[in-house]
């Protein structure tokens, strides 16, 4: 017999918030039980309503702030709290950085059993708005609302939030959501456009429409006209990622790293950093930490289109970049050639599988840079001491796996965690991007 769900209390409950969870919710203890409250900040006294009760923790959302934190600010976005794209707009940007730094340090202690000798100053945007140049937006025609919805999903839901504009997307897209909604509503298949993926370089903006059915020639002409009026280049994706193709001519997307005199070309579906200002600062810091010299060989693992590999090649004697996706490696090779760099080699290899026999593992490397996905780099760590790597810079998009890998590097492989710090790649979200330096 199925157990009945307990009814949630309907009356608001008062609580004092003690801390902030890693996903940006206030944490209070109510009747001795941890309760995660959306919209609450540390030090606040709030009235909240329960949204879920579980054996080991409860969840809720703020109904009223009785005593506000001095770090609380008015969210800039009218949709904050409904849209799931941001979770920290109500917290002062400086306090957001402090929270992310503490999240990283807590992860090192709790998951890695290590601590950095030095905490690096955080890398932040000049303005924390309109920074996102890569995003995937949901699309859904909702007859009851009388329009097509375009945007992020609602917090804790699969429904698409009813957005008029977005303050964290680049304004080219963030301020055009209603125009995109109207455009899709006029197509012959408004119910069969499932998502829009945006990809921007320093100037151009590509929008990839996931069209579940073919478009008519009239639809295509509407997209062309809209693109000319609003500065968009449309691509279509009728199937999997391999089916992405331009509506007309392909876009020549590229971004620059002026400090190193480099230009990177990429395809709209390629992985590139969402925040170009922080990316420039991040690459600069990585080079400063790693200190590659003309007499050294450097290994760049999870190299993508060469975001770190090419700057390394301007400073080191020889650089090897390794990446699991063949298309990214092809783009990286072409980027090296375009930039006149002949001291860099690229290889395709799945860095999560055994690597014995890989040709690039011959000889030694003096230094290494790792920029893995969220799952971390655990599988390749054993190779670093075997290759006699003396210094490692590790760029991470998830503090949990960085902390785990830091513990392995320190305890099993004889490295020291010299320094670490956060980079605000995603302001107003709980996402923590970080960088760490290890030395043998």
Foldseek 3Di string as FASTA:
>chain_A
DDDDDDDFDPFWDKFAFAAADLFGFTWTQDPNATETEQPAHHGWIFTWGWPADDDRYTYTYGPGTPGHDPQFDDQPFPCPPWFPQFRFSRGHLVVLQVNLFVVLQVLLCPQQVAGAPAADDAAEDPDQWQFFQKDKWFWAADVVVPWIAIGGCTVPDPHHDRGCFGTRHHCLPRNCRVVVGVLLVPFPCSHFFTIWIWHAAPQAIEIETAGCDDGDVVNLVSVVVVCVVSRYFYWYHNDDPVRTDGSPDADFGWYDLVVQGFIATDHRPFDDQGGVVLLSVVLVVVCVQQVAAQAFEEEEEQQFLNSNPQSSLSHYNAYEYEHQDPRRQVRNVVRCVVVVRDRYYYDHDDLQDDDPPPPVLPAAGQAYEYEDAQQERQSCLVSNVVSVHFKYKYKHFHSNRVSNVVSCCVPPVPKHFHYKYWYCSNPSGSTTIMMTMIGD
